[in-house]
C-alpha atoms as a PDB file:
ATOM      1  CA  UNK A   1       0.000   0.000   0.000  1.00  0.00           C
ATOM      2  CA  UNK A   2       2.747   2.468   0.965  1.00  0.00           C
ATOM      3  CA  UNK A   3       6.483   2.588   0.643  1.00  0.00           C
ATOM      4  CA  UNK A   4       8.578   3.018   3.841  1.00  0.00           C
ATOM      5  CA  UNK A   5       9.678   6.547   4.721  1.00  0.00           C
ATOM      6  CA  UNK A   6      12.202   7.397   7.430  1.00  0.00           C
ATOM      7  CA  UNK A   7      12.014  11.203   7.354  1.00  0.00           C
ATOM      8  CA  UNK A   8       9.379  13.510   5.921  1.00  0.00           C
ATOM      9  CA  UNK A   9      10.845  15.670   3.145  1.00  0.00           C
ATOM     10  CA  UNK A  10      14.330  14.475   4.210  1.00  0.00           C
ATOM     11  CA  UNK A  11      14.537  16.597   7.362  1.00  0.00           C
ATOM     12  CA  UNK A  12      11.447  16.307   9.591  1.00  0.00           C
ATOM     13  CA  UNK A  13      11.098  13.364  11.957  1.00  0.00           C
ATOM     14  CA  UNK A  14       8.058  11.169  11.470  1.00  0.00           C
ATOM     15  CA  UNK A  15       6.599  12.093  14.874  1.00  0.00           C
ATOM     16  CA  UNK A  16       6.540  15.826  14.141  1.00  0.00           C
ATOM     17  CA  UNK A  17       5.543  15.290  10.505  1.00  0.00           C
ATOM     18  CA  UNK A  18       2.526  13.206  11.515  1.00  0.00           C
ATOM     19  CA  UNK A  19       1.305  15.931  13.861  1.00  0.00           C
ATOM     20  CA  UNK A  20       1.805  18.614  11.205  1.00  0.00           C
ATOM     21  CA  UNK A  21       0.058  16.512   8.555  1.00  0.00           C
ATOM     22  CA  UNK A  22      -2.873  15.890  10.883  1.00  0.00           C
ATOM     23  CA  UNK A  23      -3.358  19.553  11.738  1.00  0.00           C
ATOM     24  CA  UNK A  24      -2.855  20.861   8.194  1.00  0.00           C
ATOM     25  CA  UNK A  25      -5.127  18.253   6.633  1.00  0.00           C
ATOM     26  CA  UNK A  26      -7.846  18.850   9.208  1.00  0.00           C
ATOM     27  CA  UNK A  27      -7.910  22.532   8.278  1.00  0.00           C
ATOM     28  CA  UNK A  28      -7.565  21.848   4.536  1.00  0.00           C
ATOM     29  CA  UNK A  29     -10.241  19.174   4.344  1.00  0.00           C
ATOM     30  CA  UNK A  30     -12.667  21.158   6.494  1.00  0.00           C
ATOM     31  CA  UNK A  31     -12.274  24.062   4.071  1.00  0.00           C
ATOM     32  CA  UNK A  32     -12.677  21.816   1.029  1.00  0.00           C
ATOM     33  CA  UNK A  33     -15.760  20.202   2.541  1.00  0.00           C
ATOM     34  CA  UNK A  34     -17.317  23.638   2.930  1.00  0.00           C
ATOM     35  CA  UNK A  35     -16.135  24.665  -0.546  1.00  0.00           C
ATOM     36  CA  UNK A  36     -17.820  21.688  -2.204  1.00  0.00           C
ATOM     37  CA  UNK A  37     -20.804  21.516   0.140  1.00  0.00           C
ATOM     38  CA  UNK A  38     -21.990  25.129  -0.115  1.00  0.00           C
ATOM     39  CA  UNK A  39     -22.835  25.027  -3.864  1.00  0.00           C
ATOM     40  CA  UNK A  40     -24.779  21.829  -3.268  1.00  0.00           C
ATOM     41  CA  UNK A  41     -26.884  23.374  -0.541  1.00  0.00           C
ATOM     42  CA  UNK A  42     -27.414  26.767  -2.148  1.00  0.00           C
ATOM     43  CA  UNK A  43     -27.886  25.850  -5.804  1.00  0.00           C
ATOM     44  CA  UNK A  44     -28.899  22.194  -5.945  1.00  0.00           C
ATOM     45  CA  UNK A  45     -31.533  22.754  -8.650  1.00  0.00           C
ATOM     46  CA  UNK A  46     -29.388  25.076 -10.765  1.00  0.00           C
ATOM     47  CA  UNK A  47     -26.391  22.718 -10.992  1.00  0.00           C
ATOM     48  CA  UNK A  48     -26.131  20.160 -13.792  1.00  0.00           C
ATOM     49  CA  UNK A  49     -26.520  16.599 -12.525  1.00  0.00           C
ATOM     50  CA  UNK A  50     -22.914  15.590 -13.297  1.00  0.00           C
ATOM     51  CA  UNK A  51     -21.489  18.619 -11.496  1.00  0.00           C
ATOM     52  CA  UNK A  52     -23.779  18.056  -8.494  1.00  0.00           C
ATOM     53  CA  UNK A  53     -22.611  14.427  -8.299  1.00  0.00           C
ATOM     54  CA  UNK A  54     -18.981  15.555  -8.503  1.00  0.00           C
ATOM     55  CA  UNK A  55     -19.471  18.153  -5.750  1.00  0.00           C
ATOM     56  CA  UNK A  56     -21.286  15.626  -3.568  1.00  0.00           C
ATOM     57  CA  UNK A  57     -18.565  13.000  -4.035  1.00  0.00           C
ATOM     58  CA  UNK A  58     -15.804  15.508  -3.299  1.00  0.00           C
ATOM     59  CA  UNK A  59     -17.634  16.881  -0.244  1.00  0.00           C
ATOM     60  CA  UNK A  60     -18.148  13.368   1.129  1.00  0.00           C
ATOM     61  CA  UNK A  61     -14.544  12.360   0.459  1.00  0.00           C
ATOM     62  CA  UNK A  62     -13.157  15.515   2.064  1.00  0.00           C
ATOM     63  CA  UNK A  63     -15.562  15.178   5.001  1.00  0.00           C
ATOM     64  CA  UNK A  64     -14.403  11.610   5.610  1.00  0.00           C
ATOM     65  CA  UNK A  65     -10.787  12.723   5.365  1.00  0.00           C
ATOM     66  CA  UNK A  66     -11.508  15.558   7.824  1.00  0.00           C
ATOM     67  CA  UNK A  67     -12.898  13.121  10.407  1.00  0.00           C
ATOM     68  CA  UNK A  68      -9.956  10.779   9.827  1.00  0.00           C
ATOM     69  CA  UNK A  69      -7.564  13.742  10.236  1.00  0.00           C
ATOM     70  CA  UNK A  70      -9.092  14.557  13.620  1.00  0.00           C
ATOM     71  CA  UNK A  71      -8.579  10.930  14.668  1.00  0.00           C
ATOM     72  CA  UNK A  72      -5.000  11.144  13.321  1.00  0.00           C
ATOM     73  CA  UNK A  73      -4.292  14.158  15.530  1.00  0.00           C
ATOM     74  CA  UNK A  74      -5.475  12.225  18.581  1.00  0.00           C
ATOM     75  CA  UNK A  75      -3.345   9.236  17.625  1.00  0.00           C
ATOM     76  CA  UNK A  76      -0.274  11.380  16.953  1.00  0.00           C
ATOM     77  CA  UNK A  77      -0.387  13.155  20.294  1.00  0.00           C
ATOM     78  CA  UNK A  78      -1.398  10.068  22.317  1.00  0.00           C
ATOM     79  CA  UNK A  79       1.028   7.825  20.375  1.00  0.00           C
ATOM     80  CA  UNK A  80      -1.700   5.302  19.537  1.00  0.00           C
ATOM     81  CA  UNK A  81      -0.962   3.625  16.175  1.00  0.00           C
ATOM     82  CA  UNK A  82      -4.499   2.241  15.909  1.00  0.00           C
ATOM     83  CA  UNK A  83      -5.798   5.798  15.410  1.00  0.00           C
ATOM     84  CA  UNK A  84      -3.487   6.313  12.410  1.00  0.00           C
ATOM     85  CA  UNK A  85      -5.118   3.594  10.329  1.00  0.00           C
ATOM     86  CA  UNK A  86      -8.368   5.429   9.391  1.00  0.00           C
ATOM     87  CA  UNK A  87      -6.381   8.343   7.969  1.00  0.00           C
ATOM     88  CA  UNK A  88      -3.960   6.113   6.057  1.00  0.00           C
ATOM     89  CA  UNK A  89      -6.783   4.085   4.507  1.00  0.00           C
ATOM     90  CA  UNK A  90      -8.953   7.131   3.740  1.00  0.00           C
ATOM     91  CA  UNK A  91      -6.045   9.128   2.302  1.00  0.00           C
ATOM     92  CA  UNK A  92      -4.878   6.245   0.130  1.00  0.00           C
ATOM     93  CA  UNK A  93      -8.391   5.514  -1.110  1.00  0.00           C
ATOM     94  CA  UNK A  94      -9.007   9.215  -1.785  1.00  0.00           C
ATOM     95  CA  UNK A  95      -5.762   9.863  -3.648  1.00  0.00           C
ATOM     96  CA  UNK A  96      -6.212   7.114  -6.246  1.00  0.00           C
ATOM     97  CA  UNK A  97      -9.642   8.204  -7.613  1.00  0.00           C
ATOM     98  CA  UNK A  98      -8.605  11.853  -7.385  1.00  0.00           C
ATOM     99  CA  UNK A  99      -5.553  11.102  -9.509  1.00  0.00           C
ATOM    100  CA  UNK A 100      -7.647   9.083 -11.976  1.00  0.00           C
ATOM    101  CA  UNK A 101     -10.175  11.920 -12.223  1.00  0.00           C
ATOM    102  CA  UNK A 102      -7.364  14.367 -12.970  1.00  0.00           C
ATOM    103  CA  UNK A 103      -5.942  12.162 -15.706  1.00  0.00           C
ATOM    104  CA  UNK A 104      -9.374  11.700 -17.308  1.00  0.00           C
ATOM    105  CA  UNK A 105      -9.985  15.451 -17.055  1.00  0.00           C
ATOM    106  CA  UNK A 106      -6.693  16.263 -18.758  1.00  0.00           C
ATOM    107  CA  UNK A 107      -7.288  13.735 -21.529  1.00  0.00           C
ATOM    108  CA  UNK A 108     -10.817  14.952 -22.269  1.00  0.00           C
ATOM    109  CA  UNK A 109     -10.018  18.655 -21.867  1.00  0.00           C
ATOM    110  CA  UNK A 110      -9.229  19.319 -25.564  1.00  0.00           C
ATOM    111  CA  UNK A 111     -12.395  17.505 -26.608  1.00  0.00           C
ATOM    112  CA  UNK A 112     -14.675  19.654 -24.463  1.00  0.00           C
ATOM    113  CA  UNK A 113     -13.393  23.200 -24.945  1.00  0.00           C
ATOM    114  CA  UNK A 114     -12.704  25.245 -28.020  1.00  0.00           C
ATOM    115  CA  UNK A 115     -11.862  28.440 -26.130  1.00  0.00           C
ATOM    116  CA  UNK A 116      -8.454  28.684 -24.543  1.00  0.00           C
ATOM    117  CA  UNK A 117      -9.578  30.696 -21.497  1.00  0.00           C
ATOM    118  CA  UNK A 118     -11.917  28.112 -20.003  1.00  0.00           C
ATOM    119  CA  UNK A 119      -9.498  25.297 -20.853  1.00  0.00           C
ATOM    120  CA  UNK A 120      -6.688  27.151 -19.084  1.00  0.00           C
ATOM    121  CA  UNK A 121      -8.817  27.597 -15.972  1.00  0.00           C
ATOM    122  CA  UNK A 122      -9.818  23.949 -15.914  1.00  0.00           C
ATOM    123  CA  UNK A 123      -6.279  22.717 -16.526  1.00  0.00           C
ATOM    124  CA  UNK A 124      -5.066  24.840 -13.618  1.00  0.00           C
ATOM    125  CA  UNK A 125      -7.663  23.306 -11.294  1.00  0.00           C
ATOM    126  CA  UNK A 126      -6.896  19.811 -12.578  1.00  0.00           C
ATOM    127  CA  UNK A 127      -3.170  20.366 -12.005  1.00  0.00           C
ATOM    128  CA  UNK A 128      -3.762  21.555  -8.445  1.00  0.00           C
ATOM    129  CA  UNK A 129      -5.854  18.467  -7.700  1.00  0.00           C
ATOM    130  CA  UNK A 130      -3.211  16.216  -9.262  1.00  0.00           C
ATOM    131  CA  UNK A 131      -0.509  17.713  -7.024  1.00  0.00           C
ATOM    132  CA  UNK A 132      -2.889  17.327  -4.073  1.00  0.00           C
ATOM    133  CA  UNK A 133      -3.377  13.632  -4.921  1.00  0.00           C
ATOM    134  CA  UNK A 134       0.385  13.024  -5.148  1.00  0.00           C
ATOM    135  CA  UNK A 135       1.031  14.810  -1.835  1.00  0.00           C
ATOM    136  CA  UNK A 136      -1.836  12.946  -0.200  1.00  0.00           C
ATOM    137  CA  UNK A 137      -0.335   9.612  -1.241  1.00  0.00           C
ATOM    138  CA  UNK A 138       3.140  10.635  -0.023  1.00  0.00           C
ATOM    139  CA  UNK A 139       1.784  11.862   3.300  1.00  0.00           C
ATOM    140  CA  UNK A 140      -0.169   8.634   3.733  1.00  0.00           C
ATOM    141  CA  UNK A 141       3.151   6.808   3.337  1.00  0.00           C
ATOM    142  CA  UNK A 142       4.707   9.074   5.994  1.00  0.00           C
ATOM    143  CA  UNK A 143       1.858   8.470   8.445  1.00  0.00           C
ATOM    144  CA  UNK A 144       1.880   4.729   7.756  1.00  0.00           C
ATOM    145  CA  UNK A 145       5.636   4.623   8.420  1.00  0.00           C
ATOM    146  CA  UNK A 146       5.081   6.389  11.751  1.00  0.00           C
ATOM    147  CA  UNK A 147       2.304   3.914  12.569  1.00  0.00           C
ATOM    148  CA  UNK A 148       4.619   0.985  11.864  1.00  0.00           C
ATOM    149  CA  UNK A 149       7.345   2.646  13.944  1.00  0.00           C
ATOM    150  CA  UNK A 150       4.975   2.901  16.919  1.00  0.00           C
ATOM    151  CA  UNK A 151       3.811  -0.699  16.451  1.00  0.00           C
ATOM    152  CA  UNK A 152       7.412  -1.943  16.545  1.00  0.00           C
ATOM    153  CA  UNK A 153       8.075   0.156  19.646  1.00  0.00           C
ATOM    154  CA  UNK A 154       4.992  -1.238  21.407  1.00  0.00           C
ATOM    155  CA  UNK A 155       6.028  -4.770  20.466  1.00  0.00           C
ATOM    156  CA  UNK A 156       9.544  -4.224  21.845  1.00  0.00           C
ATOM    157  CA  UNK A 157       8.152  -2.788  25.092  1.00  0.00           C
ATOM    158  CA  UNK A 158       5.863  -5.805  25.472  1.00  0.00           C
ATOM    159  CA  UNK A 159       8.754  -8.215  24.858  1.00  0.00           C
ATOM    160  CA  UNK A 160      10.993  -6.350  27.328  1.00  0.00           C
ATOM    161  CA  UNK A 161       8.338  -6.404  30.052  1.00  0.00           C
ATOM    162  CA  UNK A 162       7.704 -10.102  29.423  1.00  0.00           C
ATOM    163  CA  UNK A 163      11.428 -10.859  29.658  1.00  0.00           C
ATOM    164  CA  UNK A 164      11.748  -8.788  32.848  1.00  0.00           C
ATOM    165  CA  UNK A 165       8.845 -10.584  34.517  1.00  0.00           C
ATOM    166  CA  UNK A 166      10.245 -13.979  33.460  1.00  0.00           C
ATOM    167  CA  UNK A 167      13.678 -13.149  34.870  1.00  0.00           C
ATOM    168  CA  UNK A 168      12.094 -11.792  38.042  1.00  0.00           C
ATOM    169  CA  UNK A 169      10.030 -14.981  38.504  1.00  0.00           C
ATOM    170  CA  UNK A 170      13.081 -17.196  37.934  1.00  0.00           C
ATOM    171  CA  UNK A 171      15.028 -15.206  40.524  1.00  0.00           C
ATOM    172  CA  UNK A 172      12.188 -15.564  43.058  1.00  0.00           C
ATOM    173  CA  UNK A 173      12.041 -19.312  42.458  1.00  0.00           C
ATOM    174  CA  UNK A 174      15.769 -19.671  43.186  1.00  0.00           C
ATOM    175  CA  UNK A 175      15.646 -17.653  46.418  1.00  0.00           C
END
């Protein structure tokens, strides 16, 4: 699902990067949820069906990512790797269709528009969403690497405590 990452952008530790990603994505996805949700509420009848479906899908995806980002923040500060998983899954599942939508939009762009102005505006939006999809996938790899790091640490702590209790019991049996 994700490739292993040891530092975020080659200089930020995974612990700090996970907290930053959680906070930034909570703010970003809350804003995008409002951005896509407001036209649906205000102009549902005036929007074409395909655009309304697109806005609804984007609002739902960003809303789910916003909730997962809030859970990620809790997991990052409490150091609970189980709370990282909803964000990793949601971010990975959101980035793939977003990237596919961008590719389809870029391929069909010349077929839909004869004027250069509207095509330029749409290609700019498509490019921004493509960069967002790539960053979302990379950040999901960063968060997943931090989750695995915490899981290994918890496993080592459990093994150490088990070994300590075993040694302590053996010592008691001898005395």
